[in-house]
Amino acid sequence: MKTHFNVNFLEDSTETLRAIAHPIRIAIIDLLYNNGQMTVTDIYQHLNIEQAIASHHLRILKGKDVVAAERDGKNSLYSLTRSEFYEIIKTLKKVI
């Protein structure tokens, strides 16, 4: 395959896009961008989903470094690692 991107970049990009590519995960990215740090409780209550579902999707996003978690006592505060992840969502909204 001829491209000016190296293979590692292509593979890493594909995996990151796969991690983002779910309605709940897109909603989580939107929430975190607009609200800053949030607990899993904040997230599942805003999205009206079960805590286990929110935790599952946060784990996937954290695994691809889309979100970061910071301990605050008994809670973890989740935030976007980079605002550019929200820009991907905004771009999709413009073209779809």
PDB file of N, CA and C in Angstrom:
ATOM      1  N   MET A   1       0.859  -1.173   0.000  1.00  0.00           N
ATOM      2  CA  MET A   1       0.000   0.000   0.000  1.00  0.00           C
ATOM      3  C   MET A   1       0.901   1.230   0.000  1.00  0.00           C
ATOM      4  N   LYS A   2       0.634   2.136  -0.919  1.00  0.00           N
ATOM      5  CA  LYS A   2       1.409   3.379  -1.001  1.00  0.00           C
ATOM      6  C   LYS A   2       0.678   4.490  -0.268  1.00  0.00           C
ATOM      7  N   THR A   3       1.346   5.071   0.711  1.00  0.00           N
ATOM      8  CA  THR A   3       0.814   6.195   1.473  1.00  0.00           C
ATOM      9  C   THR A   3       1.984   6.921   2.119  1.00  0.00           C
ATOM     10  N   HIS A   4       1.785   8.178   2.457  1.00  0.00           N
ATOM     11  CA  HIS A   4       2.863   8.887   3.143  1.00  0.00           C
ATOM     12  C   HIS A   4       2.817   8.672   4.657  1.00  0.00           C
ATOM     13  N   PHE A   5       1.842   7.889   5.146  1.00  0.00           N
ATOM     14  CA  PHE A   5       1.770   7.528   6.561  1.00  0.00           C
ATOM     15  C   PHE A   5       2.499   6.209   6.775  1.00  0.00           C
ATOM     16  N   ASN A   6       3.190   6.096   7.911  1.00  0.00           N
ATOM     17  CA  ASN A   6       3.843   4.813   8.174  1.00  0.00           C
ATOM     18  C   ASN A   6       2.822   3.818   8.733  1.00  0.00           C
ATOM     19  N   VAL A   7       3.174   2.557   8.666  1.00  0.00           N
ATOM     20  CA  VAL A   7       2.262   1.473   9.051  1.00  0.00           C
ATOM     21  C   VAL A   7       1.844   1.583  10.511  1.00  0.00           C
ATOM     22  N   ASN A   8       2.757   1.921  11.404  1.00  0.00           N
ATOM     23  CA  ASN A   8       2.410   2.042  12.826  1.00  0.00           C
ATOM     24  C   ASN A   8       1.367   3.122  13.052  1.00  0.00           C
ATOM     25  N   PHE A   9       1.536   4.253  12.381  1.00  0.00           N
ATOM     26  CA  PHE A   9       0.544   5.326  12.501  1.00  0.00           C
ATOM     27  C   PHE A   9      -0.818   4.850  12.009  1.00  0.00           C
ATOM     28  N   LEU A  10      -0.852   4.181  10.885  1.00  0.00           N
ATOM     29  CA  LEU A  10      -2.122   3.696  10.329  1.00  0.00           C
ATOM     30  C   LEU A  10      -2.805   2.724  11.283  1.00  0.00           C
ATOM     31  N   GLU A  11      -2.049   1.809  11.849  1.00  0.00           N
ATOM     32  CA  GLU A  11      -2.621   0.828  12.768  1.00  0.00           C
ATOM     33  C   GLU A  11      -3.099   1.485  14.061  1.00  0.00           C
ATOM     34  N   ASP A  12      -2.287   2.368  14.636  1.00  0.00           N
ATOM     35  CA  ASP A  12      -2.676   3.062  15.865  1.00  0.00           C
ATOM     36  C   ASP A  12      -3.907   3.942  15.647  1.00  0.00           C
ATOM     37  N   SER A  13      -3.946   4.624  14.525  1.00  0.00           N
ATOM     38  CA  SER A  13      -5.096   5.485  14.209  1.00  0.00           C
ATOM     39  C   SER A  13      -6.367   4.668  14.073  1.00  0.00           C
ATOM     40  N   THR A  14      -6.264   3.538  13.408  1.00  0.00           N
ATOM     41  CA  THR A  14      -7.429   2.666  13.232  1.00  0.00           C
ATOM     42  C   THR A  14      -7.957   2.188  14.578  1.00  0.00           C
ATOM     43  N   GLU A  15      -7.065   1.777  15.468  1.00  0.00           N
ATOM     44  CA  GLU A  15      -7.487   1.302  16.786  1.00  0.00           C
ATOM     45  C   GLU A  15      -8.118   2.417  17.617  1.00  0.00           C
ATOM     46  N   THR A  16      -7.581   3.613  17.534  1.00  0.00           N
ATOM     47  CA  THR A  16      -8.159   4.743  18.266  1.00  0.00           C
ATOM     48  C   THR A  16      -9.538   5.081  17.718  1.00  0.00           C
ATOM     49  N   LEU A  17      -9.681   5.099  16.402  1.00  0.00           N
ATOM     50  CA  LEU A  17     -10.989   5.387  15.809  1.00  0.00           C
ATOM     51  C   LEU A  17     -12.001   4.303  16.169  1.00  0.00           C
ATOM     52  N   ARG A  18     -11.569   3.055  16.231  1.00  0.00           N
ATOM     53  CA  ARG A  18     -12.470   1.974  16.665  1.00  0.00           C
ATOM     54  C   ARG A  18     -12.934   2.197  18.102  1.00  0.00           C
ATOM     55  N   ALA A  19     -12.023   2.663  18.944  1.00  0.00           N
ATOM     56  CA  ALA A  19     -12.383   2.911  20.346  1.00  0.00           C
ATOM     57  C   ALA A  19     -13.424   4.021  20.448  1.00  0.00           C
ATOM     58  N   ILE A  20     -13.308   5.025  19.613  1.00  0.00           N
ATOM     59  CA  ILE A  20     -14.248   6.151  19.635  1.00  0.00           C
ATOM     60  C   ILE A  20     -15.586   5.765  19.009  1.00  0.00           C
ATOM     61  N   ALA A  21     -15.566   4.860  18.056  1.00  0.00           N
ATOM     62  CA  ALA A  21     -16.712   4.572  17.192  1.00  0.00           C
ATOM     63  C   ALA A  21     -17.817   3.759  17.865  1.00  0.00           C
ATOM     64  N   HIS A  22     -18.454   4.349  18.845  1.00  0.00           N
ATOM     65  CA  HIS A  22     -19.620   3.750  19.490  1.00  0.00           C
ATOM     66  C   HIS A  22     -20.466   4.902  20.014  1.00  0.00           C
ATOM     67  N   PRO A  23     -21.795   4.819  19.878  1.00  0.00           N
ATOM     68  CA  PRO A  23     -22.644   5.941  20.306  1.00  0.00           C
ATOM     69  C   PRO A  23     -22.429   6.370  21.759  1.00  0.00           C
ATOM     70  N   ILE A  24     -22.265   5.416  22.653  1.00  0.00           N
ATOM     71  CA  ILE A  24     -22.066   5.785  24.061  1.00  0.00           C
ATOM     72  C   ILE A  24     -20.717   6.451  24.247  1.00  0.00           C
ATOM     73  N   ARG A  25     -19.689   5.944  23.574  1.00  0.00           N
ATOM     74  CA  ARG A  25     -18.360   6.548  23.721  1.00  0.00           C
ATOM     75  C   ARG A  25     -18.308   7.940  23.105  1.00  0.00           C
ATOM     76  N   ILE A  26     -18.995   8.142  22.003  1.00  0.00           N
ATOM     77  CA  ILE A  26     -19.087   9.494  21.434  1.00  0.00           C
ATOM     78  C   ILE A  26     -19.790  10.423  22.414  1.00  0.00           C
ATOM     79  N   ALA A  27     -20.845   9.943  23.045  1.00  0.00           N
ATOM     80  CA  ALA A  27     -21.561  10.753  24.039  1.00  0.00           C
ATOM     81  C   ALA A  27     -20.671  11.057  25.241  1.00  0.00           C
ATOM     82  N   ILE A  28     -19.856  10.104  25.658  1.00  0.00           N
ATOM     83  CA  ILE A  28     -18.937  10.333  26.777  1.00  0.00           C
ATOM     84  C   ILE A  28     -17.914  11.408  26.405  1.00  0.00           C
ATOM     85  N   ILE A  29     -17.378  11.340  25.207  1.00  0.00           N
ATOM     86  CA  ILE A  29     -16.420  12.351  24.751  1.00  0.00           C
ATOM     87  C   ILE A  29     -17.070  13.725  24.754  1.00  0.00           C
ATOM     88  N   ASP A  30     -18.300  13.800  24.282  1.00  0.00           N
ATOM     89  CA  ASP A  30     -19.034  15.064  24.275  1.00  0.00           C
ATOM     90  C   ASP A  30     -19.227  15.594  25.697  1.00  0.00           C
ATOM     91  N   LEU A  31     -19.652  14.718  26.609  1.00  0.00           N
ATOM     92  CA  LEU A  31     -19.846  15.122  28.008  1.00  0.00           C
ATOM     93  C   LEU A  31     -18.556  15.644  28.632  1.00  0.00           C
ATOM     94  N   LEU A  32     -17.478  14.909  28.440  1.00  0.00           N
ATOM     95  CA  LEU A  32     -16.220  15.306  29.054  1.00  0.00           C
ATOM     96  C   LEU A  32     -15.683  16.604  28.457  1.00  0.00           C
ATOM     97  N   TYR A  33     -15.865  16.782  27.173  1.00  0.00           N
ATOM     98  CA  TYR A  33     -15.416  18.027  26.550  1.00  0.00           C
ATOM     99  C   TYR A  33     -16.184  19.219  27.118  1.00  0.00           C
ATOM    100  N   ASN A  34     -17.490  19.054  27.276  1.00  0.00           N
ATOM    101  CA  ASN A  34     -18.337  20.164  27.708  1.00  0.00           C
ATOM    102  C   ASN A  34     -18.379  20.364  29.219  1.00  0.00           C
ATOM    103  N   ASN A  35     -18.020  19.334  30.001  1.00  0.00           N
ATOM    104  CA  ASN A  35     -18.110  19.433  31.458  1.00  0.00           C
ATOM    105  C   ASN A  35     -16.782  19.302  32.179  1.00  0.00           C
ATOM    106  N   GLY A  36     -15.727  19.022  31.469  1.00  0.00           N
ATOM    107  CA  GLY A  36     -14.433  18.824  32.134  1.00  0.00           C
ATOM    108  C   GLY A  36     -14.393  17.486  32.834  1.00  0.00           C
ATOM    109  N   GLN A  37     -13.833  17.443  34.022  1.00  0.00           N
ATOM    110  CA  GLN A  37     -13.727  16.194  34.763  1.00  0.00           C
ATOM    111  C   GLN A  37     -15.088  15.751  35.295  1.00  0.00           C
ATOM    112  N   MET A  38     -15.331  14.442  35.170  1.00  0.00           N
ATOM    113  CA  MET A  38     -16.585  13.863  35.658  1.00  0.00           C
ATOM    114  C   MET A  38     -16.300  12.495  36.265  1.00  0.00           C
ATOM    115  N   THR A  39     -17.102  12.132  37.254  1.00  0.00           N
ATOM    116  CA  THR A  39     -17.019  10.783  37.814  1.00  0.00           C
ATOM    117  C   THR A  39     -17.858   9.847  36.951  1.00  0.00           C
ATOM    118  N   VAL A  40     -17.660   8.555  37.148  1.00  0.00           N
ATOM    119  CA  VAL A  40     -18.473   7.589  36.426  1.00  0.00           C
ATOM    120  C   VAL A  40     -19.952   7.773  36.789  1.00  0.00           C
ATOM    121  N   THR A  41     -20.226   8.155  38.025  1.00  0.00           N
ATOM    122  CA  THR A  41     -21.613   8.407  38.451  1.00  0.00           C
ATOM    123  C   THR A  41     -22.212   9.562  37.658  1.00  0.00           C
ATOM    124  N   ASP A  42     -21.460  10.648  37.533  1.00  0.00           N
ATOM    125  CA  ASP A  42     -21.934  11.778  36.731  1.00  0.00           C
ATOM    126  C   ASP A  42     -22.255  11.335  35.308  1.00  0.00           C
ATOM    127  N   ILE A  43     -21.361  10.536  34.747  1.00  0.00           N
ATOM    128  CA  ILE A  43     -21.505  10.115  33.350  1.00  0.00           C
ATOM    129  C   ILE A  43     -22.714   9.214  33.165  1.00  0.00           C
ATOM    130  N   TYR A  44     -22.842   8.177  33.995  1.00  0.00           N
ATOM    131  CA  TYR A  44     -23.971   7.270  33.757  1.00  0.00           C
ATOM    132  C   TYR A  44     -25.307   7.928  34.065  1.00  0.00           C
ATOM    133  N   GLN A  45     -25.343   8.853  34.995  1.00  0.00           N
ATOM    134  CA  GLN A  45     -26.592   9.561  35.264  1.00  0.00           C
ATOM    135  C   GLN A  45     -26.963  10.492  34.113  1.00  0.00           C
ATOM    136  N   HIS A  46     -25.996  11.201  33.561  1.00  0.00           N
ATOM    137  CA  HIS A  46     -26.263  12.078  32.416  1.00  0.00           C
ATOM    138  C   HIS A  46     -26.757  11.291  31.199  1.00  0.00           C
ATOM    139  N   LEU A  47     -26.177  10.110  30.995  1.00  0.00           N
ATOM    140  CA  LEU A  47     -26.516   9.312  29.813  1.00  0.00           C
ATOM    141  C   LEU A  47     -27.683   8.351  30.049  1.00  0.00           C
ATOM    142  N   ASN A  48     -28.132   8.268  31.302  1.00  0.00           N
ATOM    143  CA  ASN A  48     -29.234   7.378  31.655  1.00  0.00           C
ATOM    144  C   ASN A  48     -28.925   5.921  31.261  1.00  0.00           C
ATOM    145  N   ILE A  49     -27.726   5.483  31.647  1.00  0.00           N
ATOM    146  CA  ILE A  49     -27.303   4.104  31.418  1.00  0.00           C
ATOM    147  C   ILE A  49     -26.847   3.525  32.754  1.00  0.00           C
ATOM    148  N   GLU A  50     -26.596   2.227  32.784  1.00  0.00           N
ATOM    149  CA  GLU A  50     -26.136   1.582  34.006  1.00  0.00           C
ATOM    150  C   GLU A  50     -24.673   1.901  34.256  1.00  0.00           C
ATOM    151  N   GLN A  51     -24.290   1.881  35.520  1.00  0.00           N
ATOM    152  CA  GLN A  51     -22.908   2.180  35.906  1.00  0.00           C
ATOM    153  C   GLN A  51     -21.931   1.230  35.237  1.00  0.00           C
ATOM    154  N   ALA A  52     -22.250  -0.049  35.177  1.00  0.00           N
ATOM    155  CA  ALA A  52     -21.345  -1.029  34.577  1.00  0.00           C
ATOM    156  C   ALA A  52     -21.102  -0.739  33.100  1.00  0.00           C
ATOM    157  N   ILE A  53     -22.122  -0.274  32.419  1.00  0.00           N
ATOM    158  CA  ILE A  53     -21.980   0.065  30.994  1.00  0.00           C
ATOM    159  C   ILE A  53     -21.066   1.274  30.833  1.00  0.00           C
ATOM    160  N   ALA A  54     -21.269   2.294  31.645  1.00  0.00           N
ATOM    161  CA  ALA A  54     -20.406   3.482  31.584  1.00  0.00           C
ATOM    162  C   ALA A  54     -18.962   3.098  31.888  1.00  0.00           C
ATOM    163  N   SER A  55     -18.751   2.284  32.908  1.00  0.00           N
ATOM    164  CA  SER A  55     -17.398   1.861  33.273  1.00  0.00           C
ATOM    165  C   SER A  55     -16.736   1.075  32.144  1.00  0.00           C
ATOM    166  N   HIS A  56     -17.490   0.207  31.501  1.00  0.00           N
ATOM    167  CA  HIS A  56     -16.969  -0.577  30.379  1.00  0.00           C
ATOM    168  C   HIS A  56     -16.470   0.339  29.260  1.00  0.00           C
ATOM    169  N   HIS A  57     -17.288   1.319  28.884  1.00  0.00           N
ATOM    170  CA  HIS A  57     -16.918   2.216  27.794  1.00  0.00           C
ATOM    171  C   HIS A  57     -15.773   3.153  28.196  1.00  0.00           C
ATOM    172  N   LEU A  58     -15.735   3.574  29.437  1.00  0.00           N
ATOM    173  CA  LEU A  58     -14.614   4.387  29.915  1.00  0.00           C
ATOM    174  C   LEU A  58     -13.318   3.585  29.888  1.00  0.00           C
ATOM    175  N   ARG A  59     -13.384   2.314  30.224  1.00  0.00           N
ATOM    176  CA  ARG A  59     -12.201   1.453  30.199  1.00  0.00           C
ATOM    177  C   ARG A  59     -11.636   1.348  28.768  1.00  0.00           C
ATOM    178  N   ILE A  60     -12.514   1.228  27.789  1.00  0.00           N
ATOM    179  CA  ILE A  60     -12.071   1.165  26.392  1.00  0.00           C
ATOM    180  C   ILE A  60     -11.413   2.485  25.984  1.00  0.00           C
ATOM    181  N   LEU A  61     -12.047   3.597  26.315  1.00  0.00           N
ATOM    182  CA  LEU A  61     -11.494   4.907  25.969  1.00  0.00           C
ATOM    183  C   LEU A  61     -10.163   5.154  26.699  1.00  0.00           C
ATOM    184  N   LYS A  62     -10.081   4.719  27.933  1.00  0.00           N
ATOM    185  CA  LYS A  62      -8.849   4.888  28.697  1.00  0.00           C
ATOM    186  C   LYS A  62      -7.743   4.022  28.103  1.00  0.00           C
ATOM    187  N   GLY A  63      -8.094   2.842  27.649  1.00  0.00           N
ATOM    188  CA  GLY A  63      -7.110   1.938  27.052  1.00  0.00           C
ATOM    189  C   GLY A  63      -6.459   2.500  25.800  1.00  0.00           C
ATOM    190  N   LYS A  64      -7.144   3.366  25.096  1.00  0.00           N
ATOM    191  CA  LYS A  64      -6.584   4.006  23.896  1.00  0.00           C
ATOM    192  C   LYS A  64      -6.153   5.441  24.173  1.00  0.00           C
ATOM    193  N   ASP A  65      -6.050   5.806  25.432  1.00  0.00           N
ATOM    194  CA  ASP A  65      -5.598   7.138  25.860  1.00  0.00           C
ATOM    195  C   ASP A  65      -6.471   8.271  25.329  1.00  0.00           C
ATOM    196  N   VAL A  66      -7.751   7.986  25.159  1.00  0.00           N
ATOM    197  CA  VAL A  66      -8.703   9.042  24.788  1.00  0.00           C
ATOM    198  C   VAL A  66      -9.134   9.776  26.051  1.00  0.00           C
ATOM    199  N   VAL A  67      -9.301   9.037  27.134  1.00  0.00           N
ATOM    200  CA  VAL A  67      -9.606   9.646  28.431  1.00  0.00           C
ATOM    201  C   VAL A  67      -8.537   9.247  29.447  1.00  0.00           C
ATOM    202  N   ALA A  68      -8.429  10.072  30.465  1.00  0.00           N
ATOM    203  CA  ALA A  68      -7.528   9.790  31.586  1.00  0.00           C
ATOM    204  C   ALA A  68      -8.354   9.784  32.860  1.00  0.00           C
ATOM    205  N   ALA A  69      -7.879   9.051  33.850  1.00  0.00           N
ATOM    206  CA  ALA A  69      -8.557   8.995  35.143  1.00  0.00           C
ATOM    207  C   ALA A  69      -7.599   9.474  36.217  1.00  0.00           C
ATOM    208  N   GLU A  70      -8.131  10.299  37.098  1.00  0.00           N
ATOM    209  CA  GLU A  70      -7.355  10.824  38.222  1.00  0.00           C
ATOM    210  C   GLU A  70      -8.119  10.481  39.493  1.00  0.00           C
ATOM    211  N   ARG A  71      -7.434   9.872  40.453  1.00  0.00           N
ATOM    212  CA  ARG A  71      -8.096   9.490  41.703  1.00  0.00           C
ATOM    213  C   ARG A  71      -8.377  10.721  42.551  1.00  0.00           C
ATOM    214  N   ASP A  72      -9.590  10.738  43.117  1.00  0.00           N
ATOM    215  CA  ASP A  72      -9.996  11.792  44.048  1.00  0.00           C
ATOM    216  C   ASP A  72     -10.705  11.097  45.206  1.00  0.00           C
ATOM    217  N   GLY A  73      -9.939  10.652  46.189  1.00  0.00           N
ATOM    218  CA  GLY A  73     -10.522   9.878  47.282  1.00  0.00           C
ATOM    219  C   GLY A  73     -11.003   8.538  46.762  1.00  0.00           C
ATOM    220  N   LYS A  74     -12.283   8.259  46.947  1.00  0.00           N
ATOM    221  CA  LYS A  74     -12.868   6.998  46.490  1.00  0.00           C
ATOM    222  C   LYS A  74     -13.246   7.043  45.013  1.00  0.00           C
ATOM    223  N   ASN A  75     -13.317   8.221  44.444  1.00  0.00           N
ATOM    224  CA  ASN A  75     -13.766   8.380  43.057  1.00  0.00           C
ATOM    225  C   ASN A  75     -12.604   8.562  42.092  1.00  0.00           C
ATOM    226  N   SER A  76     -12.875   8.245  40.838  1.00  0.00           N
ATOM    227  CA  SER A  76     -11.970   8.579  39.754  1.00  0.00           C
ATOM    228  C   SER A  76     -12.624   9.686  38.949  1.00  0.00           C
ATOM    229  N   LEU A  77     -11.848  10.686  38.623  1.00  0.00           N
ATOM    230  CA  LEU A  77     -12.327  11.777  37.784  1.00  0.00           C
ATOM    231  C   LEU A  77     -11.804  11.548  36.376  1.00  0.00           C
ATOM    232  N   TYR A  78     -12.725  11.451  35.431  1.00  0.00           N
ATOM    233  CA  TYR A  78     -12.362  11.196  34.041  1.00  0.00           C
ATOM    234  C   TYR A  78     -12.347  12.504  33.269  1.00  0.00           C
ATOM    235  N   SER A  79     -11.406  12.607  32.337  1.00  0.00           N
ATOM    236  CA  SER A  79     -11.311  13.776  31.476  1.00  0.00           C
ATOM    237  C   SER A  79     -10.715  13.348  30.141  1.00  0.00           C
ATOM    238  N   LEU A  80     -10.937  14.170  29.120  1.00  0.00           N
ATOM    239  CA  LEU A  80     -10.314  13.911  27.821  1.00  0.00           C
ATOM    240  C   LEU A  80      -8.820  14.172  27.923  1.00  0.00           C
ATOM    241  N   THR A  81      -8.047  13.352  27.261  1.00  0.00           N
ATOM    242  CA  THR A  81      -6.605  13.580  27.244  1.00  0.00           C
ATOM    243  C   THR A  81      -6.242  14.704  26.284  1.00  0.00           C
ATOM    244  N   ARG A  82      -7.051  14.862  25.232  1.00  0.00           N
ATOM    245  CA  ARG A  82      -6.813  15.908  24.235  1.00  0.00           C
ATOM    246  C   ARG A  82      -8.155  16.372  23.672  1.00  0.00           C
ATOM    247  N   SER A  83      -8.295  17.663  23.511  1.00  0.00           N
ATOM    248  CA  SER A  83      -9.546  18.199  22.954  1.00  0.00           C
ATOM    249  C   SER A  83      -9.721  17.807  21.495  1.00  0.00           C
ATOM    250  N   GLU A  84      -8.656  17.399  20.832  1.00  0.00           N
ATOM    251  CA  GLU A  84      -8.752  16.989  19.421  1.00  0.00           C
ATOM    252  C   GLU A  84      -9.689  15.797  19.225  1.00  0.00           C
ATOM    253  N   PHE A  85      -9.863  14.979  20.254  1.00  0.00           N
ATOM    254  CA  PHE A  85     -10.811  13.868  20.118  1.00  0.00           C
ATOM    255  C   PHE A  85     -12.230  14.401  19.935  1.00  0.00           C
ATOM    256  N   TYR A  86     -12.540  15.498  20.591  1.00  0.00           N
ATOM    257  CA  TYR A  86     -13.845  16.125  20.384  1.00  0.00           C
ATOM    258  C   TYR A  86     -13.923  16.731  18.991  1.00  0.00           C
ATOM    259  N   GLU A  87     -12.820  17.243  18.489  1.00  0.00           N
ATOM    260  CA  GLU A  87     -12.794  17.827  17.142  1.00  0.00           C
ATOM    261  C   GLU A  87     -13.138  16.772  16.090  1.00  0.00           C
ATOM    262  N   ILE A  88     -12.726  15.532  16.319  1.00  0.00           N
ATOM    263  CA  ILE A  88     -13.091  14.439  15.400  1.00  0.00           C
ATOM    264  C   ILE A  88     -14.619  14.314  15.362  1.00  0.00           C
ATOM    265  N   ILE A  89     -15.245  14.338  16.519  1.00  0.00           N
ATOM    266  CA  ILE A  89     -16.700  14.221  16.602  1.00  0.00           C
ATOM    267  C   ILE A  89     -17.368  15.416  15.904  1.00  0.00           C
ATOM    268  N   LYS A  90     -16.867  16.624  16.153  1.00  0.00           N
ATOM    269  CA  LYS A  90     -17.423  17.806  15.505  1.00  0.00           C
ATOM    270  C   LYS A  90     -17.290  17.726  13.987  1.00  0.00           C
ATOM    271  N   THR A  91     -16.159  17.220  13.505  1.00  0.00           N
ATOM    272  CA  THR A  91     -15.958  17.080  12.060  1.00  0.00           C
ATOM    273  C   THR A  91     -16.973  16.102  11.478  1.00  0.00           C
ATOM    274  N   LEU A  92     -17.185  14.993  12.150  1.00  0.00           N
ATOM    275  CA  LEU A  92     -18.167  14.017  11.667  1.00  0.00           C
ATOM    276  C   LEU A  92     -19.569  14.628  11.614  1.00  0.00           C
ATOM    277  N   LYS A  93     -19.887  15.428  12.609  1.00  0.00           N
ATOM    278  CA  LYS A  93     -21.213  16.059  12.649  1.00  0.00           C
ATOM    279  C   LYS A  93     -21.407  16.978  11.444  1.00  0.00           C
ATOM    280  N   LYS A  94     -20.340  17.595  10.986  1.00  0.00           N
ATOM    281  CA  LYS A  94     -20.422  18.509   9.846  1.00  0.00           C
ATOM    282  C   LYS A  94     -20.623  17.770   8.531  1.00  0.00           C
ATOM    283  N   VAL A  95     -20.069  16.553   8.418  1.00  0.00           N
ATOM    284  CA  VAL A  95     -20.092  15.859   7.137  1.00  0.00           C
ATOM    285  C   VAL A  95     -21.168  14.777   7.039  1.00  0.00           C
ATOM    286  N   ILE A  96     -21.773  14.433   8.151  1.00  0.00           N
ATOM    287  CA  ILE A  96     -22.803  13.374   8.110  1.00  0.00           C
ATOM    288  C   ILE A  96     -24.187  14.005   8.165  1.00  0.00           C
TER     289      ILE A  96
END
